[in-house]
Amino acid sequence: MKSTPLCSECGKPFACGCAVGTCWCDDYPKIMPADFSRNCLCPSCLAKAIGRHIEVRLANLPFEEAVLLTNQNPSSNRLLEHIDYTLKGGNYVFTRWYLLKQGKCCGNGCRNCPYPVKT
């Protein structure tokens, strides 16, 4: 009988779908290298790790390259906390990553809007 995996970051058990063919992690952007020196991460810890990785990558990219990077990582059918949004005071704050994936500025003055200001 196969045991339930434990997250290598927080130590909590989590369900992995790899044994049945597809896993929940298939919804996450394939943007950071896999670390085979440790066990998998649970959904929350993986989302946090990917979110941090994305922030660092986008901070150092010119706008055009940031758009290309997001286009290389198709959108999931669901919003992913720490990747697409964070919660601040009970409000959703969309990340730069999510807003870039939208393809254009919505004009709502989003906190993390990556689009050049039109004058």
C-alpha atoms as a PDB file:
ATOM      1  CA  MET A   1       0.000   0.000   0.000  1.00  0.00           C
ATOM      2  CA  LYS A   2       1.369   3.391  -0.975  1.00  0.00           C
ATOM      3  CA  SER A   3       1.665   5.958   1.800  1.00  0.00           C
ATOM      4  CA  THR A   4       0.364   9.518   1.603  1.00  0.00           C
ATOM      5  CA  PRO A   5       3.180  11.899   0.659  1.00  0.00           C
ATOM      6  CA  LEU A   6       4.277  14.588   3.092  1.00  0.00           C
ATOM      7  CA  CYS A   7       5.093  18.100   1.926  1.00  0.00           C
ATOM      8  CA  SER A   8       8.841  18.688   2.077  1.00  0.00           C
ATOM      9  CA  GLU A   9       8.207  22.309   3.149  1.00  0.00           C
ATOM     10  CA  CYS A  10       5.448  22.209   5.806  1.00  0.00           C
ATOM     11  CA  GLY A  11       5.382  18.462   6.547  1.00  0.00           C
ATOM     12  CA  LYS A  12       1.615  18.116   6.027  1.00  0.00           C
ATOM     13  CA  PRO A  13       0.181  15.137   4.134  1.00  0.00           C
ATOM     14  CA  PHE A  14      -1.415  15.836   0.754  1.00  0.00           C
ATOM     15  CA  ALA A  15      -2.976  13.890  -2.103  1.00  0.00           C
ATOM     16  CA  CYS A  16      -0.938  13.407  -5.252  1.00  0.00           C
ATOM     17  CA  GLY A  17      -2.726  12.483  -8.464  1.00  0.00           C
ATOM     18  CA  CYS A  18       0.329  11.309 -10.396  1.00  0.00           C
ATOM     19  CA  ALA A  19      -0.461   7.664  -9.724  1.00  0.00           C
ATOM     20  CA  VAL A  20      -3.820   8.021 -11.518  1.00  0.00           C
ATOM     21  CA  GLY A  21      -2.404   9.855 -14.519  1.00  0.00           C
ATOM     22  CA  THR A  22      -2.876  13.547 -13.821  1.00  0.00           C
ATOM     23  CA  CYS A  23      -2.121  15.637 -10.791  1.00  0.00           C
ATOM     24  CA  TRP A  24      -3.421  18.928  -9.409  1.00  0.00           C
ATOM     25  CA  CYS A  25       0.051  20.391 -10.023  1.00  0.00           C
ATOM     26  CA  ASP A  26      -0.632  20.226 -13.782  1.00  0.00           C
ATOM     27  CA  ASP A  27      -2.697  23.428 -13.286  1.00  0.00           C
ATOM     28  CA  TYR A  28       0.368  25.315 -12.030  1.00  0.00           C
ATOM     29  CA  PRO A  29       2.685  27.255 -14.369  1.00  0.00           C
ATOM     30  CA  LYS A  30       5.705  25.207 -15.485  1.00  0.00           C
ATOM     31  CA  ILE A  31       8.042  28.089 -14.771  1.00  0.00           C
ATOM     32  CA  MET A  32      10.577  26.865 -12.254  1.00  0.00           C
ATOM     33  CA  PRO A  33      12.915  23.899 -12.359  1.00  0.00           C
ATOM     34  CA  ALA A  34      11.902  20.771 -10.490  1.00  0.00           C
ATOM     35  CA  ASP A  35      13.928  19.976  -7.386  1.00  0.00           C
ATOM     36  CA  PHE A  36      14.342  16.203  -7.375  1.00  0.00           C
ATOM     37  CA  SER A  37      16.571  16.350  -4.296  1.00  0.00           C
ATOM     38  CA  ARG A  38      13.474  16.617  -2.086  1.00  0.00           C
ATOM     39  CA  ASN A  39       9.902  15.347  -1.970  1.00  0.00           C
ATOM     40  CA  CYS A  40       7.027  17.192  -3.614  1.00  0.00           C
ATOM     41  CA  LEU A  41       5.330  20.211  -2.096  1.00  0.00           C
ATOM     42  CA  CYS A  42       1.674  20.399  -1.080  1.00  0.00           C
ATOM     43  CA  PRO A  43      -0.588  22.654  -3.185  1.00  0.00           C
ATOM     44  CA  SER A  44      -0.211  25.662  -0.879  1.00  0.00           C
ATOM     45  CA  CYS A  45       3.569  25.438  -0.516  1.00  0.00           C
ATOM     46  CA  LEU A  46       4.040  24.836  -4.251  1.00  0.00           C
ATOM     47  CA  ALA A  47       1.858  27.859  -5.090  1.00  0.00           C
ATOM     48  CA  LYS A  48       3.873  30.030  -2.687  1.00  0.00           C
ATOM     49  CA  ALA A  49       7.184  28.808  -4.157  1.00  0.00           C
ATOM     50  CA  ILE A  50       6.024  29.382  -7.741  1.00  0.00           C
ATOM     51  CA  GLY A  51       4.596  32.790  -6.808  1.00  0.00           C
ATOM     52  CA  ARG A  52       7.933  33.883  -5.301  1.00  0.00           C
ATOM     53  CA  HIS A  53       9.807  32.562  -8.334  1.00  0.00           C
ATOM     54  CA  ILE A  54       7.477  34.440 -10.697  1.00  0.00           C
ATOM     55  CA  GLU A  55       7.862  37.704  -8.749  1.00  0.00           C
ATOM     56  CA  VAL A  56      11.654  37.514  -8.991  1.00  0.00           C
ATOM     57  CA  ARG A  57      11.593  36.620 -12.697  1.00  0.00           C
ATOM     58  CA  LEU A  58       9.149  39.387 -13.606  1.00  0.00           C
ATOM     59  CA  ALA A  59      10.957  42.017 -11.535  1.00  0.00           C
ATOM     60  CA  ASN A  60      14.005  41.675 -13.769  1.00  0.00           C
ATOM     61  CA  LEU A  61      12.301  41.434 -17.165  1.00  0.00           C
ATOM     62  CA  PRO A  62      11.415  44.222 -19.559  1.00  0.00           C
ATOM     63  CA  PHE A  63       7.668  44.427 -20.257  1.00  0.00           C
ATOM     64  CA  GLU A  64       7.842  42.688 -23.658  1.00  0.00           C
ATOM     65  CA  GLU A  65       9.791  39.738 -22.234  1.00  0.00           C
ATOM     66  CA  ALA A  66       7.381  39.466 -19.295  1.00  0.00           C
ATOM     67  CA  VAL A  67       4.485  39.197 -21.750  1.00  0.00           C
ATOM     68  CA  LEU A  68       6.328  36.462 -23.667  1.00  0.00           C
ATOM     69  CA  LEU A  69       6.971  34.541 -20.449  1.00  0.00           C
ATOM     70  CA  THR A  70       3.304  34.594 -19.459  1.00  0.00           C
ATOM     71  CA  ASN A  71       2.254  33.541 -22.971  1.00  0.00           C
ATOM     72  CA  GLN A  72       4.528  30.493 -22.703  1.00  0.00           C
ATOM     73  CA  ASN A  73       2.573  29.368 -19.630  1.00  0.00           C
ATOM     74  CA  PRO A  74      -1.094  28.852 -20.500  1.00  0.00           C
ATOM     75  CA  SER A  75      -3.702  29.888 -17.978  1.00  0.00           C
ATOM     76  CA  SER A  76      -5.270  27.383 -15.658  1.00  0.00           C
ATOM     77  CA  ASN A  77      -9.039  27.082 -15.581  1.00  0.00           C
ATOM     78  CA  ARG A  78      -8.954  28.288 -11.987  1.00  0.00           C
ATOM     79  CA  LEU A  79      -7.361  31.154 -10.092  1.00  0.00           C
ATOM     80  CA  LEU A  80      -4.422  30.053  -7.976  1.00  0.00           C
ATOM     81  CA  GLU A  81      -3.752  31.818  -4.699  1.00  0.00           C
ATOM     82  CA  HIS A  82      -0.151  33.107  -4.419  1.00  0.00           C
ATOM     83  CA  ILE A  83       0.232  32.842  -8.211  1.00  0.00           C
ATOM     84  CA  ASP A  84      -2.749  34.723  -9.673  1.00  0.00           C
ATOM     85  CA  TYR A  85      -3.828  36.608  -6.575  1.00  0.00           C
ATOM     86  CA  THR A  86      -3.179  37.215  -2.904  1.00  0.00           C
ATOM     87  CA  LEU A  87      -5.639  38.152  -0.183  1.00  0.00           C
ATOM     88  CA  LYS A  88      -5.097  41.485   1.568  1.00  0.00           C
ATOM     89  CA  GLY A  89      -7.622  42.475   4.201  1.00  0.00           C
ATOM     90  CA  GLY A  90     -10.185  40.094   2.712  1.00  0.00           C
ATOM     91  CA  ASN A  91      -9.768  41.563  -0.786  1.00  0.00           C
ATOM     92  CA  TYR A  92      -8.374  39.846  -3.842  1.00  0.00           C
ATOM     93  CA  VAL A  93      -5.240  41.536  -5.158  1.00  0.00           C
ATOM     94  CA  PHE A  94      -4.333  40.259  -8.604  1.00  0.00           C
ATOM     95  CA  THR A  95      -0.643  39.632  -9.225  1.00  0.00           C
ATOM     96  CA  ARG A  96       1.402  41.104 -12.030  1.00  0.00           C
ATOM     97  CA  TRP A  97       1.521  37.570 -13.495  1.00  0.00           C
ATOM     98  CA  TYR A  98      -2.262  37.293 -13.639  1.00  0.00           C
ATOM     99  CA  LEU A  99      -2.687  40.775 -15.096  1.00  0.00           C
ATOM    100  CA  LEU A 100      -0.101  40.078 -17.806  1.00  0.00           C
ATOM    101  CA  LYS A 101      -1.983  36.912 -18.742  1.00  0.00           C
ATOM    102  CA  GLN A 102      -5.111  39.031 -19.324  1.00  0.00           C
ATOM    103  CA  GLY A 103      -3.392  40.663 -22.303  1.00  0.00           C
ATOM    104  CA  LYS A 104      -4.440  44.248 -21.702  1.00  0.00           C
ATOM    105  CA  CYS A 105      -5.056  46.811 -18.996  1.00  0.00           C
ATOM    106  CA  CYS A 106      -8.614  46.799 -17.645  1.00  0.00           C
ATOM    107  CA  GLY A 107      -8.399  50.473 -16.659  1.00  0.00           C
ATOM    108  CA  ASN A 108      -9.353  49.859 -13.021  1.00  0.00           C
ATOM    109  CA  GLY A 109      -6.044  51.079 -11.568  1.00  0.00           C
ATOM    110  CA  CYS A 110      -4.975  47.662 -10.269  1.00  0.00           C
ATOM    111  CA  ARG A 111      -2.207  47.776  -7.655  1.00  0.00           C
ATOM    112  CA  ASN A 112       0.066  45.469  -9.674  1.00  0.00           C
ATOM    113  CA  CYS A 113      -0.839  46.665 -13.172  1.00  0.00           C
ATOM    114  CA  PRO A 114       2.152  45.876 -15.420  1.00  0.00           C
ATOM    115  CA  TYR A 115       0.943  47.812 -18.426  1.00  0.00           C
ATOM    116  CA  PRO A 116       2.598  51.053 -19.475  1.00  0.00           C
ATOM    117  CA  VAL A 117       0.716  54.165 -18.425  1.00  0.00           C
ATOM    118  CA  LYS A 118      -1.033  55.755 -21.378  1.00  0.00           C
ATOM    119  CA  THR A 119      -0.606  59.506 -21.589  1.00  0.00           C
END
